[in-house]
Protein backbone atom coordinates (compact mmCIF):
# COMPACT_ATOMS: atom_id res chain seq x y z
CA UNK A 1 -4.00 -9.68 22.01
CA UNK A 2 -0.68 -7.91 21.45
CA UNK A 3 1.30 -11.09 22.09
CA UNK A 4 -0.83 -13.09 19.64
CA UNK A 5 -0.58 -10.35 17.02
CA UNK A 6 3.21 -10.26 17.40
CA UNK A 7 3.43 -14.05 17.07
CA UNK A 8 1.43 -14.07 13.84
CA UNK A 9 3.33 -11.05 12.55
CA UNK A 10 6.70 -12.76 13.14
CA UNK A 11 5.54 -16.00 11.51
CA UNK A 12 4.17 -14.29 8.41
CA UNK A 13 7.04 -11.83 8.03
CA UNK A 14 9.73 -14.50 8.28
CA UNK A 15 7.84 -16.70 5.81
CA UNK A 16 8.68 -14.23 3.04
CA UNK A 17 12.38 -15.02 3.46
CA UNK A 18 11.97 -18.81 3.44
CA UNK A 19 11.48 -18.68 -0.32
CA UNK A 20 13.09 -16.58 -3.07
CA UNK A 21 9.94 -14.41 -3.12
CA UNK A 22 11.31 -11.72 -0.80
CA UNK A 23 14.57 -11.33 -2.67
CA UNK A 24 12.85 -11.21 -6.06
CA UNK A 25 10.43 -8.54 -4.86
CA UNK A 26 13.27 -6.48 -3.38
CA UNK A 27 15.30 -6.72 -6.59
CA UNK A 28 12.34 -5.85 -8.83
CA UNK A 29 11.38 -2.92 -6.61
CA UNK A 30 14.85 -1.40 -6.62
CA UNK A 31 15.28 -1.84 -10.38
CA UNK A 32 11.87 -0.35 -11.18
CA UNK A 33 12.38 2.53 -8.75
CA UNK A 34 15.75 3.48 -10.18
CA UNK A 35 14.52 3.08 -13.77
CA UNK A 36 11.50 5.30 -13.09
CA UNK A 37 13.65 7.87 -11.28
CA UNK A 38 16.41 8.28 -13.82
CA UNK A 39 14.67 7.41 -17.09
CA UNK A 40 10.93 8.08 -16.88
CA UNK A 41 11.20 11.12 -14.60
CA UNK A 42 14.29 12.74 -16.19
CA UNK A 43 16.07 13.03 -12.86
CA UNK A 44 18.93 15.21 -14.09
CA UNK A 45 16.64 17.65 -15.90
CA UNK A 46 14.32 18.42 -12.99
CA UNK A 47 14.64 20.25 -9.70
CA UNK A 48 14.91 17.35 -7.26
CA UNK A 49 15.46 19.01 -3.91
CA UNK A 50 12.58 16.86 -2.64
CA UNK A 51 13.43 13.80 -4.78
CA UNK A 52 10.17 14.28 -6.67
CA UNK A 53 11.44 12.17 -9.58
CA UNK A 54 11.82 9.23 -7.21
CA UNK A 55 8.48 9.51 -5.45
CA UNK A 56 6.29 10.32 -8.48
CA UNK A 57 6.06 6.75 -9.76
CA UNK A 58 6.04 4.95 -6.41
CA UNK A 59 2.27 4.25 -6.42
CA UNK A 60 2.46 2.56 -9.85
CA UNK A 61 5.39 0.41 -8.72
CA UNK A 62 3.75 -0.48 -5.42
CA UNK A 63 0.51 -1.49 -7.18
CA UNK A 64 2.48 -4.25 -8.89
CA UNK A 65 4.52 -5.43 -5.90
CA UNK A 66 2.35 -5.07 -2.78
CA UNK A 67 -0.24 -7.62 -4.06
CA UNK A 68 2.62 -10.12 -4.35
CA UNK A 69 3.06 -9.75 -0.58
CA UNK A 70 -0.62 -10.10 0.28
CA UNK A 71 -1.94 -12.59 -2.27
CA UNK A 72 -1.15 -15.70 -0.18
CA UNK A 73 -1.95 -14.35 3.28
CA UNK A 74 -5.52 -15.65 3.26
CA UNK A 75 -5.96 -17.43 -0.08
CA UNK A 76 -3.46 -20.16 0.80
CA UNK A 77 -5.14 -20.68 4.17
CA UNK A 78 -8.49 -21.10 2.43
CA UNK A 79 -7.12 -23.33 -0.34
CA UNK A 80 -5.31 -25.68 2.04
CA UNK A 81 -8.13 -25.70 4.59
CA UNK A 82 -5.92 -24.46 7.43
CA UNK A 83 -8.17 -21.46 7.87
CA UNK A 84 -10.65 -23.66 9.76
CA UNK A 85 -7.88 -24.66 12.15
CA UNK A 86 -6.80 -21.05 12.66
CA UNK A 87 -10.33 -19.85 13.32
CA UNK A 88 -10.85 -22.48 16.02
CA UNK A 89 -7.79 -21.36 18.00
CA UNK A 90 -8.21 -19.19 21.12
CA UNK A 91 -7.00 -16.14 19.23
CA UNK A 92 -9.16 -13.17 18.32
CA UNK A 93 -9.83 -12.52 14.65
CA UNK A 94 -8.48 -9.02 15.14
CA UNK A 95 -5.08 -10.41 16.18
CA UNK A 96 -4.94 -12.69 13.15
CA UNK A 97 -5.97 -9.98 10.70
CA UNK A 98 -3.62 -7.38 12.18
CA UNK A 99 -0.72 -9.84 12.37
CA UNK A 100 -0.98 -10.75 8.69
CA UNK A 101 -1.57 -7.15 7.64
CA UNK A 102 1.37 -5.81 9.65
CA UNK A 103 3.72 -8.48 8.24
CA UNK A 104 3.02 -7.40 4.65
CA UNK A 105 3.04 -3.73 5.63
CA UNK A 106 6.42 -4.10 7.38
CA UNK A 107 7.90 -5.75 4.32
CA UNK A 108 6.58 -2.91 2.16
CA UNK A 109 8.26 -0.41 4.50
CA UNK A 110 11.47 -2.46 4.30
CA UNK A 111 11.47 -1.89 0.54
CA UNK A 112 11.37 1.84 1.20
CA UNK A 113 14.16 1.65 3.79
CA UNK A 114 16.41 0.02 1.19
CA UNK A 115 16.24 3.22 -0.89
CA UNK A 116 17.87 5.34 1.84
CA UNK A 117 21.40 4.87 0.38
CA UNK A 118 20.09 6.52 -2.79
CA UNK A 119 18.96 9.53 -0.74
CA UNK A 120 22.33 9.76 0.95
CA UNK A 121 24.11 9.60 -2.40
CA UNK A 122 21.97 12.36 -3.90
CA UNK A 123 22.37 14.51 -0.79
CA UNK A 124 26.12 14.47 -1.38
CA UNK A 125 25.54 15.96 -4.84
CA UNK A 126 22.78 18.51 -4.26
CA UNK A 127 21.16 20.26 -1.31
CA UNK A 128 17.94 18.42 -0.44
CA UNK A 129 14.80 19.68 1.30
CA UNK A 130 14.54 17.37 4.32
CA UNK A 131 10.97 18.44 5.12
CA UNK A 132 9.73 17.59 1.64
CA UNK A 133 11.52 14.25 1.66
CA UNK A 134 10.14 13.26 5.08
CA UNK A 135 6.63 14.23 3.94
CA UNK A 136 7.07 12.24 0.72
CA UNK A 137 8.29 9.18 2.63
CA UNK A 138 5.27 9.47 4.93
CA UNK A 139 2.97 9.67 1.91
CA UNK A 140 4.59 6.58 0.40
CA UNK A 141 4.30 4.68 3.69
CA UNK A 142 0.61 5.59 3.86
CA UNK A 143 0.22 4.36 0.28
CA UNK A 144 1.85 1.06 1.24
CA UNK A 145 -0.55 0.77 4.18
CA UNK A 146 -3.52 1.50 1.92
CA UNK A 147 -2.52 -0.99 -0.79
CA UNK A 148 -1.62 -3.65 1.78
CA UNK A 149 -5.06 -3.40 3.40
CA UNK A 150 -6.69 -3.69 -0.04
CA UNK A 151 -4.55 -6.73 -0.85
CA UNK A 152 -5.44 -8.44 2.44
CA UNK A 153 -9.12 -7.80 1.81
CA UNK A 154 -8.97 -9.28 -1.70
CA UNK A 155 -6.97 -12.30 -0.52
CA UNK A 156 -9.62 -13.06 2.13
CA UNK A 157 -12.21 -13.58 -0.62
CA UNK A 158 -10.09 -15.88 -2.81
CA UNK A 159 -8.80 -19.44 -2.68
CA UNK A 160 -6.49 -18.90 -5.64
CA UNK A 161 -3.45 -16.72 -4.90
CA UNK A 162 -2.94 -15.83 -8.58
CA UNK A 163 -6.49 -14.51 -8.81
CA UNK A 164 -5.96 -12.66 -5.52
CA UNK A 165 -2.89 -10.99 -7.03
CA UNK A 166 -4.66 -10.00 -10.25
CA UNK A 167 -7.75 -8.68 -8.45
CA UNK A 168 -5.56 -6.73 -6.02
CA UNK A 169 -3.61 -5.10 -8.85
CA UNK A 170 -6.85 -4.25 -10.65
CA UNK A 171 -8.53 -2.89 -7.52
CA UNK A 172 -5.46 -0.85 -6.60
CA UNK A 173 -5.26 0.58 -10.10
CA UNK A 174 -8.94 1.52 -10.03
CA UNK A 175 -8.72 3.19 -6.64
CA UNK A 176 -5.68 5.33 -7.42
CA UNK A 177 -6.68 6.18 -11.00
CA UNK A 178 -10.41 6.82 -10.87
CA UNK A 179 -11.66 10.37 -11.25
CA UNK A 180 -14.98 11.00 -9.52
CA UNK A 181 -15.97 13.98 -11.68
CA UNK A 182 -18.18 11.85 -13.89
CA UNK A 183 -20.08 10.64 -10.81
CA UNK A 184 -20.46 13.85 -8.87
CA UNK A 185 -21.24 16.49 -11.46
CA UNK A 186 -23.90 14.97 -13.75
CA UNK A 187 -25.79 12.84 -11.25
CA UNK A 188 -25.59 14.80 -8.02
CA UNK A 189 -26.06 18.26 -9.59
CA UNK A 190 -23.40 19.86 -7.40
CA UNK A 191 -21.92 23.31 -7.82
CA UNK A 192 -18.51 23.42 -9.48
CA UNK A 193 -16.65 24.46 -6.31
CA UNK A 194 -18.29 21.78 -4.17
CA UNK A 195 -17.73 19.18 -6.89
CA UNK A 196 -14.03 20.05 -7.07
CA UNK A 197 -13.63 19.80 -3.29
CA UNK A 198 -15.42 16.46 -3.12
CA UNK A 199 -13.47 15.11 -6.07
CA UNK A 200 -10.18 16.11 -4.52
CA UNK A 201 -11.13 14.62 -1.17
CA UNK A 202 -11.79 11.25 -2.85
CA UNK A 203 -8.85 11.35 -5.26
CA UNK A 204 -5.77 9.32 -4.34
CA UNK A 205 -3.31 11.43 -6.29
CA UNK A 206 -4.56 14.68 -4.79
CA UNK A 207 -3.60 13.43 -1.32
CA UNK A 208 -0.41 11.75 -2.49
CA UNK A 209 0.78 14.80 -4.43
CA UNK A 210 0.20 16.97 -1.36
CA UNK A 211 2.49 14.66 0.59
CA UNK A 212 5.34 14.49 -1.93
CA UNK A 213 5.23 18.26 -2.39
CA UNK A 214 5.82 18.72 1.33
CA UNK A 215 2.27 19.78 2.21
CA UNK A 216 0.92 17.05 4.51
CA UNK A 217 -2.39 17.65 6.19
CA UNK A 218 -4.88 15.95 8.45
CA UNK A 219 -7.16 15.33 5.46
CA UNK A 220 -4.38 13.31 3.77
CA UNK A 221 -3.84 11.20 6.88
CA UNK A 222 -7.58 10.65 7.33
CA UNK A 223 -8.00 9.59 3.70
CA UNK A 224 -5.39 6.82 3.83
CA UNK A 225 -6.28 5.65 7.34
CA UNK A 226 -10.03 5.58 6.70
CA UNK A 227 -9.74 3.50 3.53
CA UNK A 228 -7.23 1.15 5.16
CA UNK A 229 -9.45 0.56 8.20
CA UNK A 230 -12.46 0.05 5.92
CA UNK A 231 -10.58 -2.58 3.90
CA UNK A 232 -9.49 -4.42 7.07
CA UNK A 233 -13.07 -4.29 8.37
CA UNK A 234 -14.26 -5.95 5.14
CA UNK A 235 -11.44 -8.45 5.63
CA UNK A 236 -12.97 -9.27 9.03
CA UNK A 237 -16.42 -9.68 7.45
CA UNK A 238 -14.96 -12.14 4.93
CA UNK A 239 -13.44 -14.20 7.75
CA UNK A 240 -16.70 -14.18 9.71
CA UNK A 241 -18.53 -15.35 6.58
CA UNK A 242 -16.04 -18.17 6.12
CA UNK A 243 -16.59 -19.35 9.68
CA UNK A 244 -20.34 -19.44 9.14
């Protein structure tokens, strides 16, 4: 299984660099990240010992770019008909799903790695809090994992890669922006304290803000991992349905 997963991962990851797609995504990511850091977040006016100005807008940027990595993973296979060939090979569905997912996830992490020179530059100017920065990077990596799994799931249900991209952006935006107060308080008749706890446990930004503020916890890790595994499980269901 590991060998098959690695083979698919290598094939999918290298495919990004066979077209200008990878270089365009890298360029757009770096430009948007620097613009958000220095312009939208007022970098020089805030206390940035944890590079908060850089990490604050990462989810919004990733919502736009991660779907560009995942939109063709399954939709092109379905459109061209090669998915039938893949599904008849002596390779487990888990290997195929994980290989494709890990390729997009690795590229997303590569984007983050390319920002390390910025960290080194800032560290030469001000004293940074390494613990906060490591926690923030972990939170951003978990966000990439989460959005990649969502994108893979959406792509598995589409034959059109453009529609897969648009649906992935929309779904990602909904999941990170939605506030569950309007669902929990009126309809479930919960106490205020319990409602707040449940709302926070389901809220993307509550977990992400904990991470970028240097307060990682098991609940944050469980949130991102649970939703990512759920999305990949639905991805598997979509593939099983296609075979039938």
